[in-house]
Amino acid sequence: MKQFIDNKDGTVTGTKTGLMWQKDTAPNSYTWREAKTYCKELELAGYNDWRLPTIQELIMIVNYSRFNPASDPIFDTMSSYYWSSTTYASYPCNAWYVSFYDGSMYYGNKSRDGYVRAVRAGQKKEKEK
């Protein structure tokens, strides 16, 4: 069974989680706050309930058997850092991110630039208003 299905509308669905992912990387790099805003304002495939993934969700699309990028080839992924919505508890000015060069997790200052892949709960079937 495939781990991901290309919905042919700019989205990919995880077969185990039901999460729907933005297939392509967002067009720019963003600070953490900008990344959250980008996801909140994204309208894709008839849905407008996109959000920045948690660190636990983001590592679900890492493929550790691949390198540069360390993701399933179904995704258009850059070998760079992708923001998660998860704040680093010890230093709230930092957030967790994943390097899709090798799949490693790091935390960094929320003011630095990183890339974005939006996610939504895939079980909703009707377009959100």
C-alpha atoms as a PDB file:
ATOM      1  CA  MET A   1       0.000   0.000   0.000  1.00  0.00           C
ATOM      2  CA  LYS A   2       1.280   3.432  -0.928  1.00  0.00           C
ATOM      3  CA  GLN A   3       1.940   5.843   1.919  1.00  0.00           C
ATOM      4  CA  PHE A   4       0.709   8.842  -0.117  1.00  0.00           C
ATOM      5  CA  ILE A   5      -1.805   9.377  -2.899  1.00  0.00           C
ATOM      6  CA  ASP A   6      -1.565  12.214  -5.408  1.00  0.00           C
ATOM      7  CA  ASN A   7      -5.052  13.745  -5.583  1.00  0.00           C
ATOM      8  CA  LYS A   8      -4.175  15.426  -8.918  1.00  0.00           C
ATOM      9  CA  ASP A   9      -5.369  18.801  -7.609  1.00  0.00           C
ATOM     10  CA  GLY A  10      -2.192  20.118  -5.992  1.00  0.00           C
ATOM     11  CA  THR A  11      -2.663  17.980  -2.887  1.00  0.00           C
ATOM     12  CA  VAL A  12      -1.410  14.661  -1.540  1.00  0.00           C
ATOM     13  CA  THR A  13      -3.214  12.530   1.055  1.00  0.00           C
ATOM     14  CA  GLY A  14      -1.466  10.328   3.606  1.00  0.00           C
ATOM     15  CA  THR A  15      -3.065   6.871   3.495  1.00  0.00           C
ATOM     16  CA  LYS A  16      -2.316   6.145   7.168  1.00  0.00           C
ATOM     17  CA  THR A  17      -3.146   9.527   8.650  1.00  0.00           C
ATOM     18  CA  GLY A  18      -5.798  10.946   6.329  1.00  0.00           C
ATOM     19  CA  LEU A  19      -3.935  14.267   6.407  1.00  0.00           C
ATOM     20  CA  MET A  20      -4.060  16.255   3.190  1.00  0.00           C
ATOM     21  CA  TRP A  21      -0.813  17.987   2.239  1.00  0.00           C
ATOM     22  CA  GLN A  22       0.061  20.753  -0.168  1.00  0.00           C
ATOM     23  CA  LYS A  23       1.993  18.904  -2.880  1.00  0.00           C
ATOM     24  CA  ASP A  24       4.298  21.754  -3.870  1.00  0.00           C
ATOM     25  CA  THR A  25       6.501  23.815  -1.632  1.00  0.00           C
ATOM     26  CA  ALA A  26       5.096  27.302  -1.007  1.00  0.00           C
ATOM     27  CA  PRO A  27       6.459  29.792  -3.572  1.00  0.00           C
ATOM     28  CA  ASN A  28       8.767  31.695  -1.188  1.00  0.00           C
ATOM     29  CA  SER A  29      10.635  31.302   2.059  1.00  0.00           C
ATOM     30  CA  TYR A  30       8.994  32.833   5.116  1.00  0.00           C
ATOM     31  CA  THR A  31       9.574  33.699   8.742  1.00  0.00           C
ATOM     32  CA  TRP A  32       7.590  31.529  11.161  1.00  0.00           C
ATOM     33  CA  ARG A  33       4.808  34.124  11.523  1.00  0.00           C
ATOM     34  CA  GLU A  34       4.656  34.626   7.758  1.00  0.00           C
ATOM     35  CA  ALA A  35       4.508  30.839   7.302  1.00  0.00           C
ATOM     36  CA  LYS A  36       1.511  30.602   9.621  1.00  0.00           C
ATOM     37  CA  THR A  37      -0.208  33.450   7.760  1.00  0.00           C
ATOM     38  CA  TYR A  38       0.544  31.861   4.374  1.00  0.00           C
ATOM     39  CA  CYS A  39      -1.144  28.615   5.465  1.00  0.00           C
ATOM     40  CA  LYS A  40      -4.118  30.387   7.034  1.00  0.00           C
ATOM     41  CA  GLU A  41      -4.736  32.365   3.831  1.00  0.00           C
ATOM     42  CA  LEU A  42      -4.099  29.481   1.416  1.00  0.00           C
ATOM     43  CA  GLU A  43      -6.973  28.377  -0.805  1.00  0.00           C
ATOM     44  CA  LEU A  44      -6.123  25.124  -2.550  1.00  0.00           C
ATOM     45  CA  ALA A  45      -8.229  22.359  -4.110  1.00  0.00           C
ATOM     46  CA  GLY A  46     -11.440  23.988  -2.874  1.00  0.00           C
ATOM     47  CA  TYR A  47     -10.345  24.138   0.777  1.00  0.00           C
ATOM     48  CA  ASN A  48      -9.400  27.096   2.937  1.00  0.00           C
ATOM     49  CA  ASP A  49      -8.689  25.390   6.271  1.00  0.00           C
ATOM     50  CA  TRP A  50      -4.951  24.894   5.717  1.00  0.00           C
ATOM     51  CA  ARG A  51      -2.466  25.299   8.556  1.00  0.00           C
ATOM     52  CA  LEU A  52       1.212  24.927   9.371  1.00  0.00           C
ATOM     53  CA  PRO A  53       1.884  21.300  10.419  1.00  0.00           C
ATOM     54  CA  THR A  54       3.070  20.321  13.878  1.00  0.00           C
ATOM     55  CA  ILE A  55       6.562  18.872  14.141  1.00  0.00           C
ATOM     56  CA  GLN A  56       5.036  15.400  14.626  1.00  0.00           C
ATOM     57  CA  GLU A  57       3.040  15.767  11.413  1.00  0.00           C
ATOM     58  CA  LEU A  58       5.943  17.173   9.430  1.00  0.00           C
ATOM     59  CA  ILE A  59       8.281  14.291  10.253  1.00  0.00           C
ATOM     60  CA  MET A  60       5.608  11.894   8.940  1.00  0.00           C
ATOM     61  CA  ILE A  61       6.499  12.921   5.385  1.00  0.00           C
ATOM     62  CA  VAL A  62      10.244  12.390   5.885  1.00  0.00           C
ATOM     63  CA  ASN A  63      11.576   9.356   4.038  1.00  0.00           C
ATOM     64  CA  TYR A  64      14.811   8.394   5.801  1.00  0.00           C
ATOM     65  CA  SER A  65      15.756   5.996   3.008  1.00  0.00           C
ATOM     66  CA  ARG A  66      16.127   9.026   0.710  1.00  0.00           C
ATOM     67  CA  PHE A  67      18.602  11.876   0.834  1.00  0.00           C
ATOM     68  CA  ASN A  68      18.663  15.347  -0.703  1.00  0.00           C
ATOM     69  CA  PRO A  69      15.659  15.538  -0.467  1.00  0.00           C
ATOM     70  CA  ALA A  70      14.617  13.160   2.302  1.00  0.00           C
ATOM     71  CA  SER A  71      10.960  12.947   1.294  1.00  0.00           C
ATOM     72  CA  ASP A  72       8.691  10.817  -0.815  1.00  0.00           C
ATOM     73  CA  PRO A  73       9.176  11.743  -4.486  1.00  0.00           C
ATOM     74  CA  ILE A  74       5.430  12.445  -4.730  1.00  0.00           C
ATOM     75  CA  PHE A  75       6.180  15.800  -3.045  1.00  0.00           C
ATOM     76  CA  ASP A  76       7.952  18.739  -4.640  1.00  0.00           C
ATOM     77  CA  THR A  77      10.419  19.224  -1.789  1.00  0.00           C
ATOM     78  CA  MET A  78      13.474  21.410  -1.566  1.00  0.00           C
ATOM     79  CA  SER A  79      16.478  20.114   0.379  1.00  0.00           C
ATOM     80  CA  SER A  80      16.090  22.842   2.939  1.00  0.00           C
ATOM     81  CA  TYR A  81      14.336  23.741   6.191  1.00  0.00           C
ATOM     82  CA  TYR A  82      10.551  23.582   6.585  1.00  0.00           C
ATOM     83  CA  TRP A  83       8.752  25.238   9.473  1.00  0.00           C
ATOM     84  CA  SER A  84       6.463  23.434  11.879  1.00  0.00           C
ATOM     85  CA  SER A  85       3.884  25.173  14.063  1.00  0.00           C
ATOM     86  CA  THR A  86       5.523  23.732  17.191  1.00  0.00           C
ATOM     87  CA  THR A  87       7.236  26.287  19.414  1.00  0.00           C
ATOM     88  CA  TYR A  88      10.407  25.145  21.174  1.00  0.00           C
ATOM     89  CA  ALA A  89       9.279  25.016  24.817  1.00  0.00           C
ATOM     90  CA  SER A  90      12.533  26.172  26.430  1.00  0.00           C
ATOM     91  CA  TYR A  91      12.887  29.195  24.146  1.00  0.00           C
ATOM     92  CA  PRO A  92       9.521  30.499  22.889  1.00  0.00           C
ATOM     93  CA  CYS A  93      11.250  32.748  20.320  1.00  0.00           C
ATOM     94  CA  ASN A  94      12.225  29.492  18.530  1.00  0.00           C
ATOM     95  CA  ALA A  95      10.204  26.871  16.666  1.00  0.00           C
ATOM     96  CA  TRP A  96      10.946  23.369  15.401  1.00  0.00           C
ATOM     97  CA  TYR A  97      11.680  22.721  11.754  1.00  0.00           C
ATOM     98  CA  VAL A  98      12.773  19.787   9.596  1.00  0.00           C
ATOM     99  CA  SER A  99      15.676  19.760   7.189  1.00  0.00           C
ATOM    100  CA  PHE A 100      14.557  17.836   4.139  1.00  0.00           C
ATOM    101  CA  TYR A 101      18.180  17.505   3.116  1.00  0.00           C
ATOM    102  CA  ASP A 102      18.532  14.563   5.509  1.00  0.00           C
ATOM    103  CA  GLY A 103      15.331  14.536   7.621  1.00  0.00           C
ATOM    104  CA  SER A 104      16.903  16.000  10.764  1.00  0.00           C
ATOM    105  CA  MET A 105      14.887  18.090  13.228  1.00  0.00           C
ATOM    106  CA  TYR A 106      16.179  21.384  14.582  1.00  0.00           C
ATOM    107  CA  TYR A 107      14.866  24.465  16.292  1.00  0.00           C
ATOM    108  CA  GLY A 108      15.601  27.996  15.225  1.00  0.00           C
ATOM    109  CA  ASN A 109      14.614  31.580  15.758  1.00  0.00           C
ATOM    110  CA  LYS A 110      11.171  32.346  14.376  1.00  0.00           C
ATOM    111  CA  SER A 111      12.555  35.388  12.567  1.00  0.00           C
ATOM    112  CA  ARG A 112      14.699  33.305  10.186  1.00  0.00           C
ATOM    113  CA  ASP A 113      13.409  32.233   6.791  1.00  0.00           C
ATOM    114  CA  GLY A 114      12.234  28.708   6.073  1.00  0.00           C
ATOM    115  CA  TYR A 115      10.025  26.880   3.626  1.00  0.00           C
ATOM    116  CA  VAL A 116       6.413  25.836   4.033  1.00  0.00           C
ATOM    117  CA  ARG A 117       4.179  22.890   3.202  1.00  0.00           C
ATOM    118  CA  ALA A 118       0.605  23.381   4.406  1.00  0.00           C
ATOM    119  CA  VAL A 119      -1.552  20.582   5.816  1.00  0.00           C
ATOM    120  CA  ARG A 120      -5.214  20.076   6.650  1.00  0.00           C
ATOM    121  CA  ALA A 121      -7.337  17.372   8.206  1.00  0.00           C
ATOM    122  CA  GLY A 122      -8.336  15.345   5.159  1.00  0.00           C
ATOM    123  CA  GLN A 123     -11.616  13.890   6.364  1.00  0.00           C
ATOM    124  CA  LYS A 124     -13.631  17.059   5.647  1.00  0.00           C
ATOM    125  CA  LYS A 125     -15.300  16.660   2.289  1.00  0.00           C
ATOM    126  CA  GLU A 126     -17.113  19.934   1.739  1.00  0.00           C
ATOM    127  CA  LYS A 127     -15.531  23.225   0.864  1.00  0.00           C
ATOM    128  CA  GLU A 128     -15.102  25.425   3.909  1.00  0.00           C
ATOM    129  CA  LYS A 129     -16.785  28.836   3.848  1.00  0.00           C
END
